[in-house]
């Protein structure tokens, strides 16, 4: 399509505006024969260059966001991995982080008194 329309000055403008989004505009510009007059070429080139600049800014922003998001996920993974393991003696299982309340607590009993009336420790 590029090779067929590159010889027709009226189609080069449309070619740059439409195909410039999918193909490198420099490739099309290099194929234009010398000495050919193209109507509104200056305005078309300004639009193409502005689009290319916007596209580069978009890629740079996406790259920055992606790297920050990846860094946040790596930090989150590191925190999870560096947390201690809790070993439940009763069920012989491992769990990450802090134990859930009540895992190892048995029935609560108050202090007991021995036969002499003194408080015994358990």
PDB file of N, CA and C in Angstrom:
ATOM      1  N   UNK A   1       0.821  -1.185   0.000  1.00  0.00           N
ATOM      2  CA  UNK A   1       0.000   0.000   0.000  1.00  0.00           C
ATOM      3  C   UNK A   1       0.876   1.263   0.000  1.00  0.00           C
ATOM      4  N   UNK A   2       1.952   1.213   0.792  1.00  0.00           N
ATOM      5  CA  UNK A   2       2.853   2.357   0.851  1.00  0.00           C
ATOM      6  C   UNK A   2       3.507   2.574  -0.501  1.00  0.00           C
ATOM      7  N   UNK A   3       4.001   1.508  -1.096  1.00  0.00           N
ATOM      8  CA  UNK A   3       4.694   1.635  -2.386  1.00  0.00           C
ATOM      9  C   UNK A   3       3.755   2.104  -3.495  1.00  0.00           C
ATOM     10  N   UNK A   4       2.483   1.727  -3.445  1.00  0.00           N
ATOM     11  CA  UNK A   4       1.533   2.121  -4.485  1.00  0.00           C
ATOM     12  C   UNK A   4       1.154   3.597  -4.384  1.00  0.00           C
ATOM     13  N   UNK A   5       1.075   4.127  -3.170  1.00  0.00           N
ATOM     14  CA  UNK A   5       0.605   5.502  -3.014  1.00  0.00           C
ATOM     15  C   UNK A   5       1.721   6.514  -2.821  1.00  0.00           C
ATOM     16  N   UNK A   6       2.955   6.086  -2.757  1.00  0.00           N
ATOM     17  CA  UNK A   6       4.059   7.007  -2.491  1.00  0.00           C
ATOM     18  C   UNK A   6       4.344   7.923  -3.680  1.00  0.00           C
ATOM     19  N   UNK A   7       3.929   7.551  -4.878  1.00  0.00           N
ATOM     20  CA  UNK A   7       4.164   8.370  -6.070  1.00  0.00           C
ATOM     21  C   UNK A   7       3.088   9.431  -6.272  1.00  0.00           C
ATOM     22  N   UNK A   8       1.978   9.323  -5.556  1.00  0.00           N
ATOM     23  CA  UNK A   8       0.860  10.254  -5.737  1.00  0.00           C
ATOM     24  C   UNK A   8       0.861  11.268  -4.585  1.00  0.00           C
ATOM     25  N   UNK A   9       1.171  12.526  -4.873  1.00  0.00           N
ATOM     26  CA  UNK A   9       1.295  13.537  -3.818  1.00  0.00           C
ATOM     27  C   UNK A   9       0.032  13.719  -2.978  1.00  0.00           C
ATOM     28  N   UNK A  10      -1.129  13.574  -3.589  1.00  0.00           N
ATOM     29  CA  UNK A  10      -2.370  13.777  -2.832  1.00  0.00           C
ATOM     30  C   UNK A  10      -2.627  12.647  -1.826  1.00  0.00           C
ATOM     31  N   UNK A  11      -2.035  11.479  -2.059  1.00  0.00           N
ATOM     32  CA  UNK A  11      -2.241  10.353  -1.143  1.00  0.00           C
ATOM     33  C   UNK A  11      -1.185  10.286  -0.031  1.00  0.00           C
ATOM     34  N   UNK A  12      -0.067  10.957  -0.211  1.00  0.00           N
ATOM     35  CA  UNK A  12       1.002  10.884   0.790  1.00  0.00           C
ATOM     36  C   UNK A  12       0.550  11.496   2.114  1.00  0.00           C
ATOM     37  N   UNK A  13      -0.195  12.585   2.028  1.00  0.00           N
ATOM     38  CA  UNK A  13      -0.710  13.228   3.242  1.00  0.00           C
ATOM     39  C   UNK A  13      -1.610  12.264   4.021  1.00  0.00           C
ATOM     40  N   UNK A  14      -2.556  11.650   3.318  1.00  0.00           N
ATOM     41  CA  UNK A  14      -3.453  10.686   3.977  1.00  0.00           C
ATOM     42  C   UNK A  14      -2.689   9.474   4.484  1.00  0.00           C
ATOM     43  N   UNK A  15      -1.702   9.068   3.733  1.00  0.00           N
ATOM     44  CA  UNK A  15      -0.879   7.922   4.128  1.00  0.00           C
ATOM     45  C   UNK A  15      -0.148   8.208   5.439  1.00  0.00           C
ATOM     46  N   UNK A  16       0.431   9.395   5.538  1.00  0.00           N
ATOM     47  CA  UNK A  16       1.140   9.762   6.772  1.00  0.00           C
ATOM     48  C   UNK A  16       0.203   9.828   7.970  1.00  0.00           C
ATOM     49  N   UNK A  17      -1.001  10.339   7.769  1.00  0.00           N
ATOM     50  CA  UNK A  17      -1.937  10.484   8.884  1.00  0.00           C
ATOM     51  C   UNK A  17      -2.507   9.149   9.353  1.00  0.00           C
ATOM     52  N   UNK A  18      -2.751   8.240   8.441  1.00  0.00           N
ATOM     53  CA  UNK A  18      -3.376   6.979   8.841  1.00  0.00           C
ATOM     54  C   UNK A  18      -2.363   5.888   9.170  1.00  0.00           C
ATOM     55  N   UNK A  19      -1.416   5.676   8.268  1.00  0.00           N
ATOM     56  CA  UNK A  19      -0.456   4.590   8.460  1.00  0.00           C
ATOM     57  C   UNK A  19       0.617   4.985   9.473  1.00  0.00           C
ATOM     58  N   UNK A  20       0.774   6.281   9.717  1.00  0.00           N
ATOM     59  CA  UNK A  20       1.771   6.751  10.672  1.00  0.00           C
ATOM     60  C   UNK A  20       1.562   6.222  12.077  1.00  0.00           C
ATOM     61  N   UNK A  21       0.349   5.790  12.398  1.00  0.00           N
ATOM     62  CA  UNK A  21       0.081   5.206  13.708  1.00  0.00           C
ATOM     63  C   UNK A  21       0.580   3.770  13.819  1.00  0.00           C
ATOM     64  N   UNK A  22       0.741   3.101  12.695  1.00  0.00           N
ATOM     65  CA  UNK A  22       1.102   1.689  12.689  1.00  0.00           C
ATOM     66  C   UNK A  22       2.523   1.428  12.179  1.00  0.00           C
ATOM     67  N   UNK A  23       3.029   2.343  11.353  1.00  0.00           N
ATOM     68  CA  UNK A  23       4.354   2.211  10.764  1.00  0.00           C
ATOM     69  C   UNK A  23       5.152   3.441  11.176  1.00  0.00           C
ATOM     70  N   UNK A  24       6.442   3.280  11.297  1.00  0.00           N
ATOM     71  CA  UNK A  24       7.301   4.406  11.643  1.00  0.00           C
ATOM     72  C   UNK A  24       7.181   5.475  10.553  1.00  0.00           C
ATOM     73  N   UNK A  25       6.789   6.698  10.914  1.00  0.00           N
ATOM     74  CA  UNK A  25       6.625   7.757   9.909  1.00  0.00           C
ATOM     75  C   UNK A  25       7.926   8.061   9.158  1.00  0.00           C
ATOM     76  N   UNK A  26       9.061   7.866   9.794  1.00  0.00           N
ATOM     77  CA  UNK A  26      10.345   8.114   9.110  1.00  0.00           C
ATOM     78  C   UNK A  26      10.505   7.200   7.903  1.00  0.00           C
ATOM     79  N   UNK A  27      10.007   5.974   7.998  1.00  0.00           N
ATOM     80  CA  UNK A  27      10.078   5.026   6.876  1.00  0.00           C
ATOM     81  C   UNK A  27       9.321   5.579   5.674  1.00  0.00           C
ATOM     82  N   UNK A  28       8.146   6.136   5.930  1.00  0.00           N
ATOM     83  CA  UNK A  28       7.340   6.681   4.842  1.00  0.00           C
ATOM     84  C   UNK A  28       8.008   7.937   4.267  1.00  0.00           C
ATOM     85  N   UNK A  29       8.518   8.799   5.142  1.00  0.00           N
ATOM     86  CA  UNK A  29       9.148  10.041   4.688  1.00  0.00           C
ATOM     87  C   UNK A  29      10.380   9.749   3.833  1.00  0.00           C
ATOM     88  N   UNK A  30      11.159   8.744   4.208  1.00  0.00           N
ATOM     89  CA  UNK A  30      12.350   8.387   3.430  1.00  0.00           C
ATOM     90  C   UNK A  30      11.998   7.875   2.041  1.00  0.00           C
ATOM     91  N   UNK A  31      10.828   7.294   1.882  1.00  0.00           N
ATOM     92  CA  UNK A  31      10.408   6.742   0.589  1.00  0.00           C
ATOM     93  C   UNK A  31       9.884   7.811  -0.366  1.00  0.00           C
ATOM     94  N   UNK A  32       9.580   9.014   0.145  1.00  0.00           N
ATOM     95  CA  UNK A  32       9.047  10.067  -0.722  1.00  0.00           C
ATOM     96  C   UNK A  32      10.146  10.509  -1.687  1.00  0.00           C
ATOM     97  N   UNK A  33       9.856  10.509  -2.990  1.00  0.00           N
ATOM     98  CA  UNK A  33      10.873  10.925  -3.969  1.00  0.00           C
ATOM     99  C   UNK A  33      11.205  12.420  -3.818  1.00  0.00           C
ATOM    100  N   UNK A  34      12.449  12.758  -4.126  1.00  0.00           N
ATOM    101  CA  UNK A  34      12.882  14.161  -4.016  1.00  0.00           C
ATOM    102  C   UNK A  34      12.208  15.002  -5.083  1.00  0.00           C
ATOM    103  N   UNK A  35      11.924  16.256  -4.716  1.00  0.00           N
ATOM    104  CA  UNK A  35      11.376  17.200  -5.669  1.00  0.00           C
ATOM    105  C   UNK A  35       9.873  17.139  -5.828  1.00  0.00           C
ATOM    106  N   UNK A  36       9.196  16.251  -5.143  1.00  0.00           N
ATOM    107  CA  UNK A  36       7.746  16.135  -5.263  1.00  0.00           C
ATOM    108  C   UNK A  36       7.089  17.150  -4.322  1.00  0.00           C
ATOM    109  N   UNK A  37       6.060  17.827  -4.819  1.00  0.00           N
ATOM    110  CA  UNK A  37       5.335  18.788  -3.992  1.00  0.00           C
ATOM    111  C   UNK A  37       4.117  18.119  -3.392  1.00  0.00           C
ATOM    112  N   UNK A  38       4.014  18.248  -2.060  1.00  0.00           N
ATOM    113  CA  UNK A  38       2.902  17.610  -1.338  1.00  0.00           C
ATOM    114  C   UNK A  38       2.105  18.720  -0.660  1.00  0.00           C
ATOM    115  N   UNK A  39       0.801  18.814  -0.972  1.00  0.00           N
ATOM    116  CA  UNK A  39      -0.009  19.865  -0.350  1.00  0.00           C
ATOM    117  C   UNK A  39      -0.179  19.619   1.159  1.00  0.00           C
ATOM    118  N   UNK A  40      -0.071  20.682   1.953  1.00  0.00           N
ATOM    119  CA  UNK A  40      -0.254  20.647   3.421  1.00  0.00           C
ATOM    120  C   UNK A  40       0.703  19.685   4.117  1.00  0.00           C
ATOM    121  N   UNK A  41       1.885  19.498   3.568  1.00  0.00           N
ATOM    122  CA  UNK A  41       2.853  18.570   4.168  1.00  0.00           C
ATOM    123  C   UNK A  41       3.314  19.052   5.546  1.00  0.00           C
ATOM    124  N   UNK A  42       3.523  20.347   5.678  1.00  0.00           N
ATOM    125  CA  UNK A  42       4.005  20.893   6.952  1.00  0.00           C
ATOM    126  C   UNK A  42       3.023  20.592   8.088  1.00  0.00           C
ATOM    127  N   UNK A  43       1.736  20.868   7.871  1.00  0.00           N
ATOM    128  CA  UNK A  43       0.722  20.607   8.905  1.00  0.00           C
ATOM    129  C   UNK A  43       0.614  19.124   9.218  1.00  0.00           C
ATOM    130  N   UNK A  44       0.698  18.312   8.179  1.00  0.00           N
ATOM    131  CA  UNK A  44       0.625  16.858   8.369  1.00  0.00           C
ATOM    132  C   UNK A  44       1.808  16.350   9.184  1.00  0.00           C
ATOM    133  N   UNK A  45       3.008  16.855   8.875  1.00  0.00           N
ATOM    134  CA  UNK A  45       4.197  16.435   9.635  1.00  0.00           C
ATOM    135  C   UNK A  45       4.120  16.878  11.094  1.00  0.00           C
ATOM    136  N   UNK A  46       3.557  18.049  11.344  1.00  0.00           N
ATOM    137  CA  UNK A  46       3.389  18.503  12.727  1.00  0.00           C
ATOM    138  C   UNK A  46       2.465  17.563  13.493  1.00  0.00           C
ATOM    139  N   UNK A  47       1.384  17.157  12.853  1.00  0.00           N
ATOM    140  CA  UNK A  47       0.446  16.226  13.503  1.00  0.00           C
ATOM    141  C   UNK A  47       1.114  14.883  13.772  1.00  0.00           C
ATOM    142  N   UNK A  48       1.837  14.368  12.769  1.00  0.00           N
ATOM    143  CA  UNK A  48       2.506  13.070  12.911  1.00  0.00           C
ATOM    144  C   UNK A  48       3.555  13.120  14.018  1.00  0.00           C
ATOM    145  N   UNK A  49       4.341  14.185  14.048  1.00  0.00           N
ATOM    146  CA  UNK A  49       5.371  14.302  15.091  1.00  0.00           C
ATOM    147  C   UNK A  49       4.759  14.472  16.478  1.00  0.00           C
ATOM    148  N   UNK A  50       3.669  15.225  16.591  1.00  0.00           N
ATOM    149  CA  UNK A  50       2.987  15.378  17.878  1.00  0.00           C
ATOM    150  C   UNK A  50       2.437  14.024  18.353  1.00  0.00           C
ATOM    151  N   UNK A  51       1.861  13.269  17.419  1.00  0.00           N
ATOM    152  CA  UNK A  51       1.354  11.934  17.774  1.00  0.00           C
ATOM    153  C   UNK A  51       2.482  11.024  18.241  1.00  0.00           C
ATOM    154  N   UNK A  52       3.607  11.093  17.554  1.00  0.00           N
ATOM    155  CA  UNK A  52       4.750  10.256  17.934  1.00  0.00           C
ATOM    156  C   UNK A  52       5.276  10.650  19.317  1.00  0.00           C
ATOM    157  N   UNK A  53       5.318  11.949  19.589  1.00  0.00           N
ATOM    158  CA  UNK A  53       5.764  12.420  20.901  1.00  0.00           C
ATOM    159  C   UNK A  53       4.800  11.975  21.991  1.00  0.00           C
ATOM    160  N   UNK A  54       3.506  12.101  21.718  1.00  0.00           N
ATOM    161  CA  UNK A  54       2.501  11.660  22.695  1.00  0.00           C
ATOM    162  C   UNK A  54       2.606  10.159  22.952  1.00  0.00           C
ATOM    163  N   UNK A  55       2.852   9.406  21.894  1.00  0.00           N
ATOM    164  CA  UNK A  55       2.985   7.953  22.034  1.00  0.00           C
ATOM    165  C   UNK A  55       4.193   7.598  22.896  1.00  0.00           C
ATOM    166  N   UNK A  56       5.310   8.327  22.708  1.00  0.00           N
ATOM    167  CA  UNK A  56       6.502   8.083  23.531  1.00  0.00           C
ATOM    168  C   UNK A  56       6.244   8.423  24.993  1.00  0.00           C
ATOM    169  N   UNK A  57       5.538   9.527  25.241  1.00  0.00           N
ATOM    170  CA  UNK A  57       5.208   9.898  26.618  1.00  0.00           C
ATOM    171  C   UNK A  57       4.314   8.844  27.266  1.00  0.00           C
ATOM    172  N   UNK A  58       3.366   8.336  26.486  1.00  0.00           N
ATOM    173  CA  UNK A  58       2.467   7.301  26.995  1.00  0.00           C
ATOM    174  C   UNK A  58       3.232   6.036  27.365  1.00  0.00           C
ATOM    175  N   UNK A  59       4.163   5.618  26.503  1.00  0.00           N
ATOM    176  CA  UNK A  59       4.972   4.431  26.792  1.00  0.00           C
ATOM    177  C   UNK A  59       5.832   4.641  28.036  1.00  0.00           C
ATOM    178  N   UNK A  60       6.410   5.833  28.171  1.00  0.00           N
ATOM    179  CA  UNK A  60       7.256   6.147  29.325  1.00  0.00           C
ATOM    180  C   UNK A  60       6.432   6.128  30.605  1.00  0.00           C
ATOM    181  N   UNK A  61       5.223   6.705  30.551  1.00  0.00           N
ATOM    182  CA  UNK A  61       4.351   6.696  31.729  1.00  0.00           C
ATOM    183  C   UNK A  61       3.935   5.276  32.097  1.00  0.00           C
ATOM    184  N   UNK A  62       3.604   4.493  31.090  1.00  0.00           N
ATOM    185  CA  UNK A  62       3.215   3.105  31.344  1.00  0.00           C
ATOM    186  C   UNK A  62       4.375   2.314  31.942  1.00  0.00           C
ATOM    187  N   UNK A  63       5.578   2.579  31.462  1.00  0.00           N
ATOM    188  CA  UNK A  63       6.760   1.900  32.000  1.00  0.00           C
ATOM    189  C   UNK A  63       6.996   2.289  33.453  1.00  0.00           C
ATOM    190  N   UNK A  64       6.837   3.561  33.774  1.00  0.00           N
ATOM    191  CA  UNK A  64       7.026   4.032  35.147  1.00  0.00           C
ATOM    192  C   UNK A  64       5.991   3.409  36.084  1.00  0.00           C
ATOM    193  N   UNK A  65       4.740   3.419  35.654  1.00  0.00           N
ATOM    194  CA  UNK A  65       3.671   2.839  36.473  1.00  0.00           C
ATOM    195  C   UNK A  65       3.905   1.353  36.678  1.00  0.00           C
ATOM    196  N   UNK A  66       4.280   0.669  35.620  1.00  0.00           N
ATOM    197  CA  UNK A  66       4.519  -0.769  35.706  1.00  0.00           C
ATOM    198  C   UNK A  66       5.675  -1.102  36.651  1.00  0.00           C
ATOM    199  N   UNK A  67       6.755  -0.334  36.563  1.00  0.00           N
ATOM    200  CA  UNK A  67       7.898  -0.612  37.435  1.00  0.00           C
ATOM    201  C   UNK A  67       7.562  -0.312  38.886  1.00  0.00           C
ATOM    202  N   UNK A  68       6.800   0.765  39.151  1.00  0.00           N
ATOM    203  CA  UNK A  68       6.404   1.083  40.522  1.00  0.00           C
ATOM    204  C   UNK A  68       5.466   0.018  41.074  1.00  0.00           C
ATOM    205  N   UNK A  69       4.550  -0.450  40.245  1.00  0.00           N
ATOM    206  CA  UNK A  69       3.623  -1.489  40.671  1.00  0.00           C
ATOM    207  C   UNK A  69       4.376  -2.778  40.973  1.00  0.00           C
ATOM    208  N   UNK A  70       5.325  -3.115  40.103  1.00  0.00           N
ATOM    209  CA  UNK A  70       6.134  -4.320  40.327  1.00  0.00           C
ATOM    210  C   UNK A  70       6.958  -4.206  41.587  1.00  0.00           C
ATOM    211  N   UNK A  71       7.533  -3.034  41.840  1.00  0.00           N
ATOM    212  CA  UNK A  71       8.322  -2.830  43.052  1.00  0.00           C
ATOM    213  C   UNK A  71       7.452  -2.971  44.294  1.00  0.00           C
ATOM    214  N   UNK A  72       6.243  -2.423  44.248  1.00  0.00           N
ATOM    215  CA  UNK A  72       5.322  -2.555  45.379  1.00  0.00           C
ATOM    216  C   UNK A  72       4.965  -4.008  45.651  1.00  0.00           C
ATOM    217  N   UNK A  73       4.747  -4.772  44.591  1.00  0.00           N
ATOM    218  CA  UNK A  73       4.413  -6.186  44.758  1.00  0.00           C
ATOM    219  C   UNK A  73       5.600  -6.983  45.299  1.00  0.00           C
ATOM    220  N   UNK A  74       6.811  -6.635  44.856  1.00  0.00           N
ATOM    221  CA  UNK A  74       8.001  -7.315  45.369  1.00  0.00           C
ATOM    222  C   UNK A  74       8.187  -7.021  46.854  1.00  0.00           C
ATOM    223  N   UNK A  75       7.966  -5.760  47.244  1.00  0.00           N
ATOM    224  CA  UNK A  75       8.084  -5.401  48.660  1.00  0.00           C
ATOM    225  C   UNK A  75       7.035  -6.128  49.501  1.00  0.00           C
ATOM    226  N   UNK A  76       5.834  -6.234  48.978  1.00  0.00           N
ATOM    227  CA  UNK A  76       4.770  -6.951  49.688  1.00  0.00           C
ATOM    228  C   UNK A  76       5.126  -8.430  49.842  1.00  0.00           C
ATOM    229  N   UNK A  77       5.652  -9.024  48.773  1.00  0.00           N
ATOM    230  CA  UNK A  77       6.068 -10.421  48.831  1.00  0.00           C
ATOM    231  C   UNK A  77       7.189 -10.609  49.845  1.00  0.00           C
ATOM    232  N   UNK A  78       8.141  -9.679  49.868  1.00  0.00           N
ATOM    233  CA  UNK A  78       9.260  -9.769  50.809  1.00  0.00           C
ATOM    234  C   UNK A  78       8.756  -9.715  52.250  1.00  0.00           C
ATOM    235  N   UNK A  79       7.801  -8.826  52.531  1.00  0.00           N
ATOM    236  CA  UNK A  79       7.245  -8.733  53.887  1.00  0.00           C
ATOM    237  C   UNK A  79       6.569 -10.044  54.284  1.00  0.00           C
ATOM    238  N   UNK A  80       5.806 -10.599  53.341  1.00  0.00           N
ATOM    239  CA  UNK A  80       5.107 -11.859  53.635  1.00  0.00           C
ATOM    240  C   UNK A  80       6.097 -12.991  53.877  1.00  0.00           C
ATOM    241  N   UNK A  81       7.141 -13.048  53.040  1.00  0.00           N
ATOM    242  CA  UNK A  81       8.116 -14.120  53.162  1.00  0.00           C
ATOM    243  C   UNK A  81       8.998 -13.978  54.398  1.00  0.00           C
ATOM    244  N   UNK A  82       9.262 -12.728  54.806  1.00  0.00           N
ATOM    245  CA  UNK A  82      10.154 -12.536  55.948  1.00  0.00           C
ATOM    246  C   UNK A  82       9.414 -12.617  57.281  1.00  0.00           C
ATOM    247  N   UNK A  83       8.098 -12.728  57.253  1.00  0.00           N
ATOM    248  CA  UNK A  83       7.340 -12.885  58.499  1.00  0.00           C
ATOM    249  C   UNK A  83       7.658 -14.257  59.084  1.00  0.00           C
ATOM    250  N   UNK A  84       7.619 -14.353  60.403  1.00  0.00           N
ATOM    251  CA  UNK A  84       7.931 -15.615  61.056  1.00  0.00           C
ATOM    252  C   UNK A  84       6.866 -16.668  60.848  1.00  0.00           C
ATOM    253  N   UNK A  85       7.242 -17.896  61.133  1.00  0.00           N
ATOM    254  CA  UNK A  85       6.300 -19.008  61.066  1.00  0.00           C
ATOM    255  C   UNK A  85       5.831 -19.339  62.482  1.00  0.00           C
ATOM    256  N   UNK A  86       4.595 -19.664  62.627  1.00  0.00           N
ATOM    257  CA  UNK A  86       4.031 -20.056  63.904  1.00  0.00           C
ATOM    258  C   UNK A  86       3.771 -21.557  63.851  1.00  0.00           C
ATOM    259  N   UNK A  87       4.298 -22.284  64.813  1.00  0.00           N
ATOM    260  CA  UNK A  87       4.097 -23.727  64.861  1.00  0.00           C
ATOM    261  C   UNK A  87       3.089 -24.040  65.951  1.00  0.00           C
ATOM    262  N   UNK A  88       2.001 -24.658  65.571  1.00  0.00           N
ATOM    263  CA  UNK A  88       0.942 -25.023  66.503  1.00  0.00           C
ATOM    264  C   UNK A  88       1.276 -26.394  67.072  1.00  0.00           C
ATOM    265  N   UNK A  89       1.611 -26.443  68.366  1.00  0.00           N
ATOM    266  CA  UNK A  89       2.002 -27.701  68.989  1.00  0.00           C
ATOM    267  C   UNK A  89       0.859 -28.705  69.030  1.00  0.00           C
ATOM    268  N   UNK A  90      -0.343 -28.219  69.117  1.00  0.00           N
ATOM    269  CA  UNK A  90      -1.493 -29.112  69.241  1.00  0.00           C
ATOM    270  C   UNK A  90      -1.742 -29.867  67.939  1.00  0.00           C
ATOM    271  N   UNK A  91      -1.787 -29.153  66.813  1.00  0.00           N
ATOM    272  CA  UNK A  91      -2.116 -29.827  65.561  1.00  0.00           C
ATOM    273  C   UNK A  91      -0.895 -30.069  64.676  1.00  0.00           C
ATOM    274  N   UNK A  92       0.295 -29.688  65.144  1.00  0.00           N
ATOM    275  CA  UNK A  92       1.547 -29.870  64.409  1.00  0.00           C
ATOM    276  C   UNK A  92       1.472 -29.279  62.998  1.00  0.00           C
ATOM    277  N   UNK A  93       0.967 -28.069  62.896  1.00  0.00           N
ATOM    278  CA  UNK A  93       0.895 -27.399  61.604  1.00  0.00           C
ATOM    279  C   UNK A  93       1.606 -26.060  61.675  1.00  0.00           C
ATOM    280  N   UNK A  94       2.038 -25.598  60.498  1.00  0.00           N
ATOM    281  CA  UNK A  94       2.683 -24.297  60.382  1.00  0.00           C
ATOM    282  C   UNK A  94       1.676 -23.291  59.838  1.00  0.00           C
ATOM    283  N   UNK A  95       1.828 -22.056  60.264  1.00  0.00           N
ATOM    284  CA  UNK A  95       1.062 -20.972  59.653  1.00  0.00           C
ATOM    285  C   UNK A  95       1.941 -19.736  59.642  1.00  0.00           C
ATOM    286  N   UNK A  96       1.717 -18.864  58.677  1.00  0.00           N
ATOM    287  CA  UNK A  96       2.515 -17.646  58.561  1.00  0.00           C
ATOM    288  C   UNK A  96       1.955 -16.573  59.484  1.00  0.00           C
ATOM    289  N   UNK A  97       2.863 -15.705  59.957  1.00  0.00           N
ATOM    290  CA  UNK A  97       2.429 -14.554  60.742  1.00  0.00           C
ATOM    291  C   UNK A  97       2.135 -14.907  62.180  1.00  0.00           C
ATOM    292  N   UNK A  98       1.283 -14.096  62.798  1.00  0.00           N
ATOM    293  CA  UNK A  98       0.951 -14.281  64.207  1.00  0.00           C
ATOM    294  C   UNK A  98      -0.114 -15.360  64.371  1.00  0.00           C
ATOM    295  N   UNK A  99      -0.107 -16.035  65.521  1.00  0.00           N
ATOM    296  CA  UNK A  99      -1.144 -17.043  65.745  1.00  0.00           C
ATOM    297  C   UNK A  99      -2.499 -16.378  65.932  1.00  0.00           C
ATOM    298  N   UNK A 100      -3.504 -17.077  65.514  1.00  0.00           N
ATOM    299  CA  UNK A 100      -4.850 -16.581  65.785  1.00  0.00           C
ATOM    300  C   UNK A 100      -5.129 -16.750  67.263  1.00  0.00           C
ATOM    301  N   UNK A 101      -5.869 -15.838  67.827  1.00  0.00           N
ATOM    302  CA  UNK A 101      -6.096 -15.887  69.273  1.00  0.00           C
ATOM    303  C   UNK A 101      -6.866 -17.153  69.639  1.00  0.00           C
ATOM    304  N   UNK A 102      -6.470 -17.741  70.724  1.00  0.00           N
ATOM    305  CA  UNK A 102      -7.170 -18.913  71.232  1.00  0.00           C
ATOM    306  C   UNK A 102      -6.679 -20.226  70.679  1.00  0.00           C
ATOM    307  N   UNK A 103      -5.614 -20.253  69.900  1.00  0.00           N
ATOM    308  CA  UNK A 103      -5.158 -21.519  69.340  1.00  0.00           C
ATOM    309  C   UNK A 103      -4.645 -22.475  70.413  1.00  0.00           C
ATOM    310  N   UNK A 104      -3.841 -21.950  71.321  1.00  0.00           N
ATOM    311  CA  UNK A 104      -3.235 -22.828  72.319  1.00  0.00           C
ATOM    312  C   UNK A 104      -3.827 -22.639  73.713  1.00  0.00           C
ATOM    313  N   UNK A 105      -4.844 -21.852  73.818  1.00  0.00           N
ATOM    314  CA  UNK A 105      -5.410 -21.572  75.137  1.00  0.00           C
ATOM    315  C   UNK A 105      -6.431 -22.648  75.473  1.00  0.00           C
ATOM    316  N   UNK A 106      -6.274 -23.239  76.652  1.00  0.00           N
ATOM    317  CA  UNK A 106      -7.222 -24.247  77.110  1.00  0.00           C
ATOM    318  C   UNK A 106      -8.309 -23.590  77.945  1.00  0.00           C
ATOM    319  N   UNK A 107      -9.086 -24.375  78.653  1.00  0.00           N
ATOM    320  CA  UNK A 107     -10.123 -23.794  79.496  1.00  0.00           C
ATOM    321  C   UNK A 107      -9.478 -22.962  80.610  1.00  0.00           C
ATOM    322  N   UNK A 108     -10.028 -21.798  80.847  1.00  0.00           N
ATOM    323  CA  UNK A 108      -9.479 -20.921  81.867  1.00  0.00           C
ATOM    324  C   UNK A 108      -9.933 -21.376  83.250  1.00  0.00           C
ATOM    325  N   UNK A 109      -8.968 -21.476  84.132  1.00  0.00           N
ATOM    326  CA  UNK A 109      -9.291 -21.847  85.523  1.00  0.00           C
ATOM    327  C   UNK A 109      -8.673 -20.801  86.429  1.00  0.00           C
ATOM    328  N   UNK A 110      -9.345 -20.516  87.476  1.00  0.00           N
ATOM    329  CA  UNK A 110      -8.822 -19.571  88.448  1.00  0.00           C
ATOM    330  C   UNK A 110      -7.822 -20.276  89.350  1.00  0.00           C
ATOM    331  N   UNK A 111      -7.234 -19.541  90.282  1.00  0.00           N
ATOM    332  CA  UNK A 111      -6.281 -20.156  91.203  1.00  0.00           C
ATOM    333  C   UNK A 111      -6.973 -21.205  92.092  1.00  0.00           C
ATOM    334  N   UNK A 112      -6.273 -22.282  92.352  1.00  0.00           N
ATOM    335  CA  UNK A 112      -6.833 -23.338  93.214  1.00  0.00           C
ATOM    336  C   UNK A 112      -6.157 -23.285  94.572  1.00  0.00           C
ATOM    337  N   UNK A 113      -6.872 -23.734  95.590  1.00  0.00           N
ATOM    338  CA  UNK A 113      -6.322 -23.756  96.949  1.00  0.00           C
ATOM    339  C   UNK A 113      -5.990 -25.198  97.311  1.00  0.00           C
ATOM    340  N   UNK A 114      -4.868 -25.347  97.987  1.00  0.00           N
ATOM    341  CA  UNK A 114      -4.504 -26.696  98.421  1.00  0.00           C
ATOM    342  C   UNK A 114      -5.203 -27.002  99.741  1.00  0.00           C
ATOM    343  N   UNK A 115      -4.901 -28.144 100.325  1.00  0.00           N
ATOM    344  CA  UNK A 115      -5.586 -28.582 101.550  1.00  0.00           C
ATOM    345  C   UNK A 115      -5.320 -27.658 102.720  1.00  0.00           C
ATOM    346  N   UNK A 116      -4.243 -26.889 102.682  1.00  0.00           N
ATOM    347  CA  UNK A 116      -3.932 -25.976 103.783  1.00  0.00           C
ATOM    348  C   UNK A 116      -4.562 -24.609 103.579  1.00  0.00           C
ATOM    349  N   UNK A 117      -5.266 -24.385 102.448  1.00  0.00           N
ATOM    350  CA  UNK A 117      -5.912 -23.110 102.208  1.00  0.00           C
ATOM    351  C   UNK A 117      -5.045 -22.101 101.489  1.00  0.00           C
ATOM    352  N   UNK A 118      -3.877 -22.529 101.099  1.00  0.00           N
ATOM    353  CA  UNK A 118      -2.997 -21.627 100.351  1.00  0.00           C
ATOM    354  C   UNK A 118      -3.276 -21.750  98.850  1.00  0.00           C
ATOM    355  N   UNK A 119      -2.968 -20.671  98.122  1.00  0.00           N
ATOM    356  CA  UNK A 119      -3.181 -20.676  96.673  1.00  0.00           C
ATOM    357  C   UNK A 119      -2.061 -21.475  96.036  1.00  0.00           C
ATOM    358  N   UNK A 120      -2.446 -22.460  95.247  1.00  0.00           N
ATOM    359  CA  UNK A 120      -1.457 -23.307  94.574  1.00  0.00           C
ATOM    360  C   UNK A 120      -1.254 -22.789  93.154  1.00  0.00           C
ATOM    361  N   UNK A 121      -0.048 -22.913  92.687  1.00  0.00           N
ATOM    362  CA  UNK A 121       0.218 -22.518  91.302  1.00  0.00           C
ATOM    363  C   UNK A 121       0.213 -23.743  90.432  1.00  0.00           C
ATOM    364  N   UNK A 122      -0.270 -23.572  89.214  1.00  0.00           N
ATOM    365  CA  UNK A 122      -0.352 -24.702  88.268  1.00  0.00           C
ATOM    366  C   UNK A 122       0.858 -24.800  87.415  1.00  0.00           C
TER     367      UNK A 122
END
